[in-house]
Amino acid sequence: MSYDLHTHTNASDGTLTPEALVQQAHDAGITTLAITDHDTTTGLEEAHRIAKQLNLRLINGIELSVSWSQTVIHIVGLNIDPGSLPIQQGTIELNRLREIRAIKIGESLAKSGFENAYTGAKSLAGDATITRSHFAQYLVTQGCAKNVSKVFKHYLVRGKPGYVATQWASLENAVSWITQAGGIAVIAHPHRYKIGNKRFQNLLEDFKQYGGQAIEVVCSNSSQKDIVKFSRLSQRYHLLASVGSDYHGPHQNWNGLGKLPVLPNNLTPVWSLFQDQTIQLHDDQYH
């Protein structure tokens, strides 16, 4: 069995359609895939149709934006019911905040000489959730940088012209939305958060208190040192261990589909809970 429990489609900031992502995952040998688009579940219906044809197990997922202690944290929800009212209401509010942020980013970039950045990013997003990645993609087309990573570095991170601070959902609310939807809350890509050990332990304690159950131990561009560190924290805080590439499409420069390191065998994998939850019930709404 091969798992990838953190991926994105063009329903948010990925470049592949849900159907194309599922097909690529199948071709890469993945047998259980979670689609976890940012603050939306709109890609799941299309993904389920092709997953059924390919006999690939598809887990309903989402990645929620959270503000915790003046830090943006991402929380993945696995095996959720996307029709759950708390999830629906929560994503409506988060997407309202995304639109407000996008307008402000556009205004800020206009002051730096990119007058049509909002229009360009909105055009690239189409009906999808608008994200900073859409701004980055647009700025690449304008020749301001060679790739998306360089745009982020020079324009879209804290302290740069296109950065706009946003107050996202609280950690307590995000975990609650996921658990009320029958899902499992997971701390996404923990190695990326630039907070000290003590603050990270405080995050884990709050996360556990609110009902969080898992942490990504193996994820995109994590080093062996990262895997060892978060394996130990997983055990110390009695958290299930997850794996996810955070795949956004062929353009990204980190781990592709089917290329993640193996989860250490001394950990309890998050998919051990899948057997006890009604994935088939969640899937049936699309069949």
C-alpha atoms as a PDB file:
ATOM      1  CA  MET A   1       0.000   0.000   0.000  1.00  0.00           C
ATOM      2  CA  SER A   2       1.237   3.489  -0.884  1.00  0.00           C
ATOM      3  CA  TYR A   3      -0.243   6.576   0.787  1.00  0.00           C
ATOM      4  CA  ASP A   4      -0.213  10.288  -0.001  1.00  0.00           C
ATOM      5  CA  LEU A   5      -2.536  12.194   2.296  1.00  0.00           C
ATOM      6  CA  HIS A   6      -1.811  15.810   1.335  1.00  0.00           C
ATOM      7  CA  THR A   7      -2.303  16.966  -2.273  1.00  0.00           C
ATOM      8  CA  HIS A   8      -3.847  19.889  -4.149  1.00  0.00           C
ATOM      9  CA  THR A   9      -5.820  20.395  -7.352  1.00  0.00           C
ATOM     10  CA  ASN A  10      -6.789  23.456  -9.346  1.00  0.00           C
ATOM     11  CA  ALA A  11      -9.819  23.772  -7.067  1.00  0.00           C
ATOM     12  CA  SER A  12      -7.338  25.739  -4.952  1.00  0.00           C
ATOM     13  CA  ASP A  13      -3.694  26.405  -5.856  1.00  0.00           C
ATOM     14  CA  GLY A  14      -2.699  23.189  -7.611  1.00  0.00           C
ATOM     15  CA  THR A  15      -2.221  23.116 -11.375  1.00  0.00           C
ATOM     16  CA  LEU A  16      -3.913  19.783 -12.173  1.00  0.00           C
ATOM     17  CA  THR A  17      -7.612  19.090 -12.408  1.00  0.00           C
ATOM     18  CA  PRO A  18      -8.923  16.636  -9.805  1.00  0.00           C
ATOM     19  CA  GLU A  19      -9.219  13.983 -12.518  1.00  0.00           C
ATOM     20  CA  ALA A  20      -5.637  14.532 -13.708  1.00  0.00           C
ATOM     21  CA  LEU A  21      -4.276  14.425 -10.150  1.00  0.00           C
ATOM     22  CA  VAL A  22      -5.997  11.125  -9.408  1.00  0.00           C
ATOM     23  CA  GLN A  23      -4.715   9.685 -12.688  1.00  0.00           C
ATOM     24  CA  GLN A  24      -1.136  10.794 -11.915  1.00  0.00           C
ATOM     25  CA  ALA A  25      -1.358   9.367  -8.402  1.00  0.00           C
ATOM     26  CA  HIS A  26      -2.553   6.044  -9.780  1.00  0.00           C
ATOM     27  CA  ASP A  27       0.240   6.031 -12.364  1.00  0.00           C
ATOM     28  CA  ALA A  28       2.754   6.727  -9.571  1.00  0.00           C
ATOM     29  CA  GLY A  29       1.605   3.639  -7.665  1.00  0.00           C
ATOM     30  CA  ILE A  30      -0.342   5.416  -4.943  1.00  0.00           C
ATOM     31  CA  THR A  31      -3.200   3.295  -3.652  1.00  0.00           C
ATOM     32  CA  THR A  32      -4.686   5.707  -1.071  1.00  0.00           C
ATOM     33  CA  LEU A  33      -4.845   9.402  -1.895  1.00  0.00           C
ATOM     34  CA  ALA A  34      -6.260  12.383  -0.001  1.00  0.00           C
ATOM     35  CA  ILE A  35      -7.111  15.580  -1.835  1.00  0.00           C
ATOM     36  CA  THR A  36      -6.696  18.438   0.630  1.00  0.00           C
ATOM     37  CA  ASP A  37      -7.348  21.683  -1.200  1.00  0.00           C
ATOM     38  CA  HIS A  38      -7.045  24.974   0.659  1.00  0.00           C
ATOM     39  CA  ASP A  39     -10.313  25.901   2.355  1.00  0.00           C
ATOM     40  CA  THR A  40     -12.497  24.101  -0.202  1.00  0.00           C
ATOM     41  CA  THR A  41     -13.875  20.658  -1.035  1.00  0.00           C
ATOM     42  CA  THR A  42     -15.178  21.494  -4.501  1.00  0.00           C
ATOM     43  CA  GLY A  43     -12.753  19.184  -6.326  1.00  0.00           C
ATOM     44  CA  LEU A  44     -13.795  16.017  -4.539  1.00  0.00           C
ATOM     45  CA  GLU A  45     -16.816  15.048  -6.637  1.00  0.00           C
ATOM     46  CA  GLU A  46     -14.825  14.986  -9.895  1.00  0.00           C
ATOM     47  CA  ALA A  47     -11.969  13.153  -8.175  1.00  0.00           C
ATOM     48  CA  HIS A  48     -14.235  10.414  -6.850  1.00  0.00           C
ATOM     49  CA  ARG A  49     -15.556   9.581 -10.303  1.00  0.00           C
ATOM     50  CA  ILE A  50     -12.122   8.783 -11.715  1.00  0.00           C
ATOM     51  CA  ALA A  51     -10.873   7.201  -8.473  1.00  0.00           C
ATOM     52  CA  LYS A  52     -13.716   4.670  -8.634  1.00  0.00           C
ATOM     53  CA  GLN A  53     -12.808   3.780 -12.223  1.00  0.00           C
ATOM     54  CA  LEU A  54      -9.141   3.296 -11.277  1.00  0.00           C
ATOM     55  CA  ASN A  55      -9.901   1.422  -8.046  1.00  0.00           C
ATOM     56  CA  LEU A  56      -7.910   4.014  -6.114  1.00  0.00           C
ATOM     57  CA  ARG A  57      -9.000   4.717  -2.556  1.00  0.00           C
ATOM     58  CA  LEU A  58      -9.763   8.432  -2.272  1.00  0.00           C
ATOM     59  CA  ILE A  59      -9.986  10.109   1.127  1.00  0.00           C
ATOM     60  CA  ASN A  60     -12.049  13.272   1.441  1.00  0.00           C
ATOM     61  CA  GLY A  61      -9.777  15.996   2.749  1.00  0.00           C
ATOM     62  CA  ILE A  62      -9.224  19.709   3.207  1.00  0.00           C
ATOM     63  CA  GLU A  63      -6.440  22.027   4.376  1.00  0.00           C
ATOM     64  CA  LEU A  64      -7.645  24.832   6.644  1.00  0.00           C
ATOM     65  CA  SER A  65      -5.843  28.119   7.258  1.00  0.00           C
ATOM     66  CA  VAL A  66      -5.364  28.865  10.965  1.00  0.00           C
ATOM     67  CA  SER A  67      -3.998  31.766  12.999  1.00  0.00           C
ATOM     68  CA  TRP A  68      -2.366  30.599  16.219  1.00  0.00           C
ATOM     69  CA  SER A  69      -0.221  32.795  18.463  1.00  0.00           C
ATOM     70  CA  GLN A  70       0.496  35.252  15.623  1.00  0.00           C
ATOM     71  CA  THR A  71       1.590  32.386  13.369  1.00  0.00           C
ATOM     72  CA  VAL A  72      -0.179  30.914  10.342  1.00  0.00           C
ATOM     73  CA  ILE A  73      -0.592  27.146  10.743  1.00  0.00           C
ATOM     74  CA  HIS A  74      -2.216  24.743   8.289  1.00  0.00           C
ATOM     75  CA  ILE A  75      -4.455  21.966   9.571  1.00  0.00           C
ATOM     76  CA  VAL A  76      -5.367  19.093   7.271  1.00  0.00           C
ATOM     77  CA  GLY A  77      -8.671  17.326   7.757  1.00  0.00           C
ATOM     78  CA  LEU A  78      -8.814  13.687   6.629  1.00  0.00           C
ATOM     79  CA  ASN A  79     -11.871  11.515   6.047  1.00  0.00           C
ATOM     80  CA  ILE A  80     -14.270  14.410   6.434  1.00  0.00           C
ATOM     81  CA  ASP A  81     -17.867  14.587   5.315  1.00  0.00           C
ATOM     82  CA  PRO A  82     -17.679  17.560   2.922  1.00  0.00           C
ATOM     83  CA  GLY A  83     -21.406  18.092   3.316  1.00  0.00           C
ATOM     84  CA  SER A  84     -21.011  18.800   7.019  1.00  0.00           C
ATOM     85  CA  LEU A  85     -22.515  22.172   7.967  1.00  0.00           C
ATOM     86  CA  PRO A  86     -19.536  23.298  10.109  1.00  0.00           C
ATOM     87  CA  ILE A  87     -17.131  22.608   7.220  1.00  0.00           C
ATOM     88  CA  GLN A  88     -19.394  24.400   4.749  1.00  0.00           C
ATOM     89  CA  GLN A  89     -19.820  27.441   6.963  1.00  0.00           C
ATOM     90  CA  GLY A  90     -16.143  27.523   7.880  1.00  0.00           C
ATOM     91  CA  THR A  91     -14.944  27.432   4.283  1.00  0.00           C
ATOM     92  CA  ILE A  92     -17.379  30.180   3.285  1.00  0.00           C
ATOM     93  CA  GLU A  93     -15.828  32.435   5.918  1.00  0.00           C
ATOM     94  CA  LEU A  94     -12.253  31.488   5.011  1.00  0.00           C
ATOM     95  CA  ASN A  95     -12.874  32.168   1.352  1.00  0.00           C
ATOM     96  CA  ARG A  96     -14.386  35.539   2.228  1.00  0.00           C
ATOM     97  CA  LEU A  97     -11.131  36.323   4.039  1.00  0.00           C
ATOM     98  CA  ARG A  98      -9.122  35.076   1.048  1.00  0.00           C
ATOM     99  CA  GLU A  99     -10.973  37.437  -1.280  1.00  0.00           C
ATOM    100  CA  ILE A 100     -10.360  40.395   1.035  1.00  0.00           C
ATOM    101  CA  ARG A 101      -6.681  39.463   1.273  1.00  0.00           C
ATOM    102  CA  ALA A 102      -6.410  39.084  -2.506  1.00  0.00           C
ATOM    103  CA  ILE A 103      -7.786  42.578  -3.066  1.00  0.00           C
ATOM    104  CA  LYS A 104      -5.292  43.992  -0.556  1.00  0.00           C
ATOM    105  CA  ILE A 105      -2.413  42.067  -2.158  1.00  0.00           C
ATOM    106  CA  GLY A 106      -3.422  43.497  -5.512  1.00  0.00           C
ATOM    107  CA  GLU A 107      -3.462  47.023  -4.077  1.00  0.00           C
ATOM    108  CA  SER A 108      -0.080  46.528  -2.446  1.00  0.00           C
ATOM    109  CA  LEU A 109       1.525  45.115  -5.601  1.00  0.00           C
ATOM    110  CA  ALA A 110       0.053  47.958  -7.645  1.00  0.00           C
ATOM    111  CA  LYS A 111       2.122  50.354  -5.543  1.00  0.00           C
ATOM    112  CA  SER A 112       5.193  48.349  -6.624  1.00  0.00           C
ATOM    113  CA  GLY A 113       4.348  48.702 -10.294  1.00  0.00           C
ATOM    114  CA  PHE A 114       2.147  45.631 -10.887  1.00  0.00           C
ATOM    115  CA  GLU A 115      -1.150  47.403 -11.530  1.00  0.00           C
ATOM    116  CA  ASN A 116      -3.087  44.404 -12.870  1.00  0.00           C
ATOM    117  CA  ALA A 117      -1.903  41.785 -10.380  1.00  0.00           C
ATOM    118  CA  TYR A 118      -5.315  41.205  -8.799  1.00  0.00           C
ATOM    119  CA  THR A 119      -7.048  40.901 -12.172  1.00  0.00           C
ATOM    120  CA  GLY A 120      -4.331  38.564 -13.446  1.00  0.00           C
ATOM    121  CA  ALA A 121      -4.413  36.352 -10.353  1.00  0.00           C
ATOM    122  CA  LYS A 122      -8.216  36.240 -10.373  1.00  0.00           C
ATOM    123  CA  SER A 123      -8.171  35.203 -14.021  1.00  0.00           C
ATOM    124  CA  LEU A 124      -5.767  32.365 -13.274  1.00  0.00           C
ATOM    125  CA  ALA A 125      -7.837  31.216 -10.287  1.00  0.00           C
ATOM    126  CA  GLY A 126     -11.093  31.155 -12.269  1.00  0.00           C
ATOM    127  CA  ASP A 127     -13.750  29.620 -10.037  1.00  0.00           C
ATOM    128  CA  ALA A 128     -11.138  28.239  -7.654  1.00  0.00           C
ATOM    129  CA  THR A 129     -10.144  29.582  -4.263  1.00  0.00           C
ATOM    130  CA  ILE A 130      -7.768  32.493  -4.893  1.00  0.00           C
ATOM    131  CA  THR A 131      -4.380  32.091  -3.227  1.00  0.00           C
ATOM    132  CA  ARG A 132      -0.951  33.728  -3.189  1.00  0.00           C
ATOM    133  CA  SER A 133       0.148  31.059  -5.667  1.00  0.00           C
ATOM    134  CA  HIS A 134      -2.121  32.601  -8.282  1.00  0.00           C
ATOM    135  CA  PHE A 135      -0.415  35.948  -7.747  1.00  0.00           C
ATOM    136  CA  ALA A 136       2.954  34.210  -8.001  1.00  0.00           C
ATOM    137  CA  GLN A 137       1.979  32.487 -11.240  1.00  0.00           C
ATOM    138  CA  TYR A 138       0.787  35.793 -12.698  1.00  0.00           C
ATOM    139  CA  LEU A 139       3.986  37.609 -11.736  1.00  0.00           C
ATOM    140  CA  VAL A 140       6.046  34.868 -13.394  1.00  0.00           C
ATOM    141  CA  THR A 141       4.116  35.507 -16.623  1.00  0.00           C
ATOM    142  CA  GLN A 142       5.054  39.185 -16.283  1.00  0.00           C
ATOM    143  CA  GLY A 143       8.724  38.275 -16.149  1.00  0.00           C
ATOM    144  CA  CYS A 144       9.402  39.521 -12.635  1.00  0.00           C
ATOM    145  CA  ALA A 145      10.969  36.191 -11.594  1.00  0.00           C
ATOM    146  CA  LYS A 146      11.930  32.845 -13.132  1.00  0.00           C
ATOM    147  CA  ASN A 147       9.605  30.738 -11.028  1.00  0.00           C
ATOM    148  CA  VAL A 148       6.922  30.777  -8.358  1.00  0.00           C
ATOM    149  CA  SER A 149       9.378  30.143  -5.518  1.00  0.00           C
ATOM    150  CA  LYS A 150      11.362  33.265  -6.385  1.00  0.00           C
ATOM    151  CA  VAL A 151       8.195  35.354  -6.558  1.00  0.00           C
ATOM    152  CA  PHE A 152       7.247  34.248  -3.062  1.00  0.00           C
ATOM    153  CA  LYS A 153      10.729  35.013  -1.773  1.00  0.00           C
ATOM    154  CA  HIS A 154      10.872  38.522  -3.231  1.00  0.00           C
ATOM    155  CA  TYR A 155       7.237  39.645  -3.208  1.00  0.00           C
ATOM    156  CA  LEU A 156       4.786  37.581  -1.162  1.00  0.00           C
ATOM    157  CA  VAL A 157       6.298  36.658   2.203  1.00  0.00           C
ATOM    158  CA  ARG A 158       6.366  38.728   5.379  1.00  0.00           C
ATOM    159  CA  GLY A 159       8.213  41.997   4.895  1.00  0.00           C
ATOM    160  CA  LYS A 160       7.795  42.007   1.104  1.00  0.00           C
ATOM    161  CA  PRO A 161       5.528  44.272  -1.016  1.00  0.00           C
ATOM    162  CA  GLY A 162       2.756  41.745  -1.604  1.00  0.00           C
ATOM    163  CA  TYR A 163       2.478  40.330   1.901  1.00  0.00           C
ATOM    164  CA  VAL A 164      -0.825  40.958   3.692  1.00  0.00           C
ATOM    165  CA  ALA A 165      -1.325  39.710   7.240  1.00  0.00           C
ATOM    166  CA  THR A 166      -4.668  37.945   7.724  1.00  0.00           C
ATOM    167  CA  GLN A 167      -6.493  36.666  10.789  1.00  0.00           C
ATOM    168  CA  TRP A 168      -7.618  33.175   9.765  1.00  0.00           C
ATOM    169  CA  ALA A 169      -9.712  30.662  11.711  1.00  0.00           C
ATOM    170  CA  SER A 170      -8.723  29.896  15.280  1.00  0.00           C
ATOM    171  CA  LEU A 171      -7.051  26.548  15.924  1.00  0.00           C
ATOM    172  CA  GLU A 172      -9.941  25.527  18.150  1.00  0.00           C
ATOM    173  CA  ASN A 173     -12.532  26.299  15.474  1.00  0.00           C
ATOM    174  CA  ALA A 174     -10.634  24.595  12.643  1.00  0.00           C
ATOM    175  CA  VAL A 175     -10.141  21.382  14.609  1.00  0.00           C
ATOM    176  CA  SER A 176     -13.780  21.503  15.684  1.00  0.00           C
ATOM    177  CA  TRP A 177     -15.021  21.864  12.085  1.00  0.00           C
ATOM    178  CA  ILE A 178     -12.996  18.803  11.096  1.00  0.00           C
ATOM    179  CA  THR A 179     -14.026  16.619  14.023  1.00  0.00           C
ATOM    180  CA  GLN A 180     -17.688  17.617  13.675  1.00  0.00           C
ATOM    181  CA  ALA A 181     -17.398  16.481  10.042  1.00  0.00           C
ATOM    182  CA  GLY A 182     -16.293  13.045  11.274  1.00  0.00           C
ATOM    183  CA  GLY A 183     -12.691  13.699  10.269  1.00  0.00           C
ATOM    184  CA  ILE A 184      -9.187  13.537  11.702  1.00  0.00           C
ATOM    185  CA  ALA A 185      -7.303  16.798  12.287  1.00  0.00           C
ATOM    186  CA  VAL A 186      -3.615  16.724  11.265  1.00  0.00           C
ATOM    187  CA  ILE A 187      -0.888  19.350  11.686  1.00  0.00           C
ATOM    188  CA  ALA A 188       0.455  19.889   8.171  1.00  0.00           C
ATOM    189  CA  HIS A 189       4.169  20.155   7.230  1.00  0.00           C
ATOM    190  CA  PRO A 190       5.392  20.971  10.762  1.00  0.00           C
ATOM    191  CA  HIS A 191       9.008  21.448   9.674  1.00  0.00           C
ATOM    192  CA  ARG A 192       8.071  24.669   7.865  1.00  0.00           C
ATOM    193  CA  TYR A 193       6.927  26.640  10.900  1.00  0.00           C
ATOM    194  CA  LYS A 194       9.614  29.007  12.105  1.00  0.00           C
ATOM    195  CA  ILE A 195       8.799  28.788  15.798  1.00  0.00           C
ATOM    196  CA  GLY A 196      11.005  27.603  18.628  1.00  0.00           C
ATOM    197  CA  ASN A 197      10.756  24.221  20.313  1.00  0.00           C
ATOM    198  CA  LYS A 198       8.862  25.563  23.324  1.00  0.00           C
ATOM    199  CA  ARG A 199       6.248  27.326  21.194  1.00  0.00           C
ATOM    200  CA  PHE A 200       5.874  24.249  19.022  1.00  0.00           C
ATOM    201  CA  GLN A 201       5.246  22.145  22.115  1.00  0.00           C
ATOM    202  CA  ASN A 202       2.610  24.701  23.159  1.00  0.00           C
ATOM    203  CA  LEU A 203       1.032  24.304  19.723  1.00  0.00           C
ATOM    204  CA  LEU A 204       0.908  20.527  20.134  1.00  0.00           C
ATOM    205  CA  GLU A 205      -0.639  20.854  23.580  1.00  0.00           C
ATOM    206  CA  ASP A 206      -3.347  23.225  22.316  1.00  0.00           C
ATOM    207  CA  PHE A 207      -3.939  21.022  19.275  1.00  0.00           C
ATOM    208  CA  LYS A 208      -4.410  17.949  21.450  1.00  0.00           C
ATOM    209  CA  GLN A 209      -6.662  19.843  23.859  1.00  0.00           C
ATOM    210  CA  TYR A 210      -8.974  20.863  21.004  1.00  0.00           C
ATOM    211  CA  GLY A 211      -9.235  17.317  19.648  1.00  0.00           C
ATOM    212  CA  GLY A 212      -6.384  17.101  17.121  1.00  0.00           C
ATOM    213  CA  GLN A 213      -5.153  13.568  16.516  1.00  0.00           C
ATOM    214  CA  ALA A 214      -2.246  13.481  14.065  1.00  0.00           C
ATOM    215  CA  ILE A 215       0.847  15.176  12.659  1.00  0.00           C
ATOM    216  CA  GLU A 216       2.586  14.897   9.293  1.00  0.00           C
ATOM    217  CA  VAL A 217       5.870  13.146  10.032  1.00  0.00           C
ATOM    218  CA  VAL A 218       6.855  12.522   6.416  1.00  0.00           C
ATOM    219  CA  CYS A 219       6.045  15.391   4.099  1.00  0.00           C
ATOM    220  CA  SER A 220       7.319  17.503   1.247  1.00  0.00           C
ATOM    221  CA  ASN A 221      11.066  18.220   1.353  1.00  0.00           C
ATOM    222  CA  SER A 222      11.417  17.090   4.972  1.00  0.00           C
ATOM    223  CA  SER A 223      14.929  15.911   5.805  1.00  0.00           C
ATOM    224  CA  GLN A 224      15.809  12.723   7.644  1.00  0.00           C
ATOM    225  CA  LYS A 225      16.504  14.905  10.674  1.00  0.00           C
ATOM    226  CA  ASP A 226      12.974  16.351  10.405  1.00  0.00           C
ATOM    227  CA  ILE A 227      11.475  12.865  10.201  1.00  0.00           C
ATOM    228  CA  VAL A 228      13.345  11.774  13.329  1.00  0.00           C
ATOM    229  CA  LYS A 229      12.321  14.941  15.207  1.00  0.00           C
ATOM    230  CA  PHE A 230       8.625  14.701  14.393  1.00  0.00           C
ATOM    231  CA  SER A 231       8.562  10.945  14.909  1.00  0.00           C
ATOM    232  CA  ARG A 232       9.673  11.573  18.487  1.00  0.00           C
ATOM    233  CA  LEU A 233       7.109  14.306  18.990  1.00  0.00           C
ATOM    234  CA  SER A 234       4.411  12.072  17.522  1.00  0.00           C
ATOM    235  CA  GLN A 235       5.230   9.450  20.137  1.00  0.00           C
ATOM    236  CA  ARG A 236       5.669  11.920  22.986  1.00  0.00           C
ATOM    237  CA  TYR A 237       2.292  13.535  22.405  1.00  0.00           C
ATOM    238  CA  HIS A 238       0.512  10.324  21.382  1.00  0.00           C
ATOM    239  CA  LEU A 239      -0.297  11.632  17.920  1.00  0.00           C
ATOM    240  CA  LEU A 240      -0.920   9.467  14.886  1.00  0.00           C
ATOM    241  CA  ALA A 241       1.598   9.865  12.063  1.00  0.00           C
ATOM    242  CA  SER A 242       0.652  11.003   8.568  1.00  0.00           C
ATOM    243  CA  VAL A 243       2.452  11.277   5.237  1.00  0.00           C
ATOM    244  CA  GLY A 244       1.840  13.798   2.483  1.00  0.00           C
ATOM    245  CA  SER A 245       3.728  15.275  -0.443  1.00  0.00           C
ATOM    246  CA  ASP A 246       1.807  18.587  -0.501  1.00  0.00           C
ATOM    247  CA  TYR A 247       1.839  18.006  -4.261  1.00  0.00           C
ATOM    248  CA  HIS A 248       0.648  20.987  -6.296  1.00  0.00           C
ATOM    249  CA  GLY A 249       1.580  19.785  -9.775  1.00  0.00           C
ATOM    250  CA  PRO A 250       4.552  18.941 -11.992  1.00  0.00           C
ATOM    251  CA  HIS A 251       6.000  22.460 -11.644  1.00  0.00           C
ATOM    252  CA  GLN A 252       6.929  22.130  -7.974  1.00  0.00           C
ATOM    253  CA  ASN A 253      10.521  21.534  -6.941  1.00  0.00           C
ATOM    254  CA  TRP A 254       9.958  19.206  -4.015  1.00  0.00           C
ATOM    255  CA  ASN A 255       8.813  15.603  -3.651  1.00  0.00           C
ATOM    256  CA  GLY A 256       6.571  14.350  -6.438  1.00  0.00           C
ATOM    257  CA  LEU A 257       3.813  11.793  -6.214  1.00  0.00           C
ATOM    258  CA  GLY A 258       4.944   8.372  -5.065  1.00  0.00           C
ATOM    259  CA  LYS A 259       8.394   9.590  -3.974  1.00  0.00           C
ATOM    260  CA  LEU A 260       7.947  10.119  -0.235  1.00  0.00           C
ATOM    261  CA  PRO A 261      10.212   8.348   2.264  1.00  0.00           C
ATOM    262  CA  VAL A 262       8.649   5.459   4.160  1.00  0.00           C
ATOM    263  CA  LEU A 263       6.933   6.232   7.453  1.00  0.00           C
ATOM    264  CA  PRO A 264       9.008   4.829  10.366  1.00  0.00           C
ATOM    265  CA  ASN A 265       7.490   1.523  11.440  1.00  0.00           C
ATOM    266  CA  ASN A 266       7.539   2.384  15.156  1.00  0.00           C
ATOM    267  CA  LEU A 267       4.754   4.940  14.663  1.00  0.00           C
ATOM    268  CA  THR A 268       0.992   4.456  14.533  1.00  0.00           C
ATOM    269  CA  PRO A 269      -0.160   5.620  11.100  1.00  0.00           C
ATOM    270  CA  VAL A 270      -3.175   7.871  10.778  1.00  0.00           C
ATOM    271  CA  TRP A 271      -4.760   5.404   8.352  1.00  0.00           C
ATOM    272  CA  SER A 272      -5.172   2.946  11.220  1.00  0.00           C
ATOM    273  CA  LEU A 273      -8.204   5.067  12.128  1.00  0.00           C
ATOM    274  CA  PHE A 274      -9.650   4.859   8.640  1.00  0.00           C
ATOM    275  CA  GLN A 275     -10.729   1.288   9.320  1.00  0.00           C
ATOM    276  CA  ASP A 276     -12.895   2.539  12.172  1.00  0.00           C
ATOM    277  CA  GLN A 277     -14.538   5.375  10.309  1.00  0.00           C
ATOM    278  CA  THR A 278     -17.154   5.338   7.592  1.00  0.00           C
ATOM    279  CA  ILE A 279     -15.176   6.243   4.492  1.00  0.00           C
ATOM    280  CA  GLN A 280     -17.665   4.379   2.336  1.00  0.00           C
ATOM    281  CA  LEU A 281     -20.484   6.473   3.773  1.00  0.00           C
ATOM    282  CA  HIS A 282     -18.585   9.637   2.858  1.00  0.00           C
ATOM    283  CA  ASP A 283     -17.832   8.320  -0.625  1.00  0.00           C
ATOM    284  CA  ASP A 284     -21.388   7.270  -1.397  1.00  0.00           C
ATOM    285  CA  GLN A 285     -22.632  10.821  -1.880  1.00  0.00           C
ATOM    286  CA  TYR A 286     -20.615  10.947  -5.127  1.00  0.00           C
ATOM    287  CA  HIS A 287     -21.677   7.561  -6.560  1.00  0.00           C
END
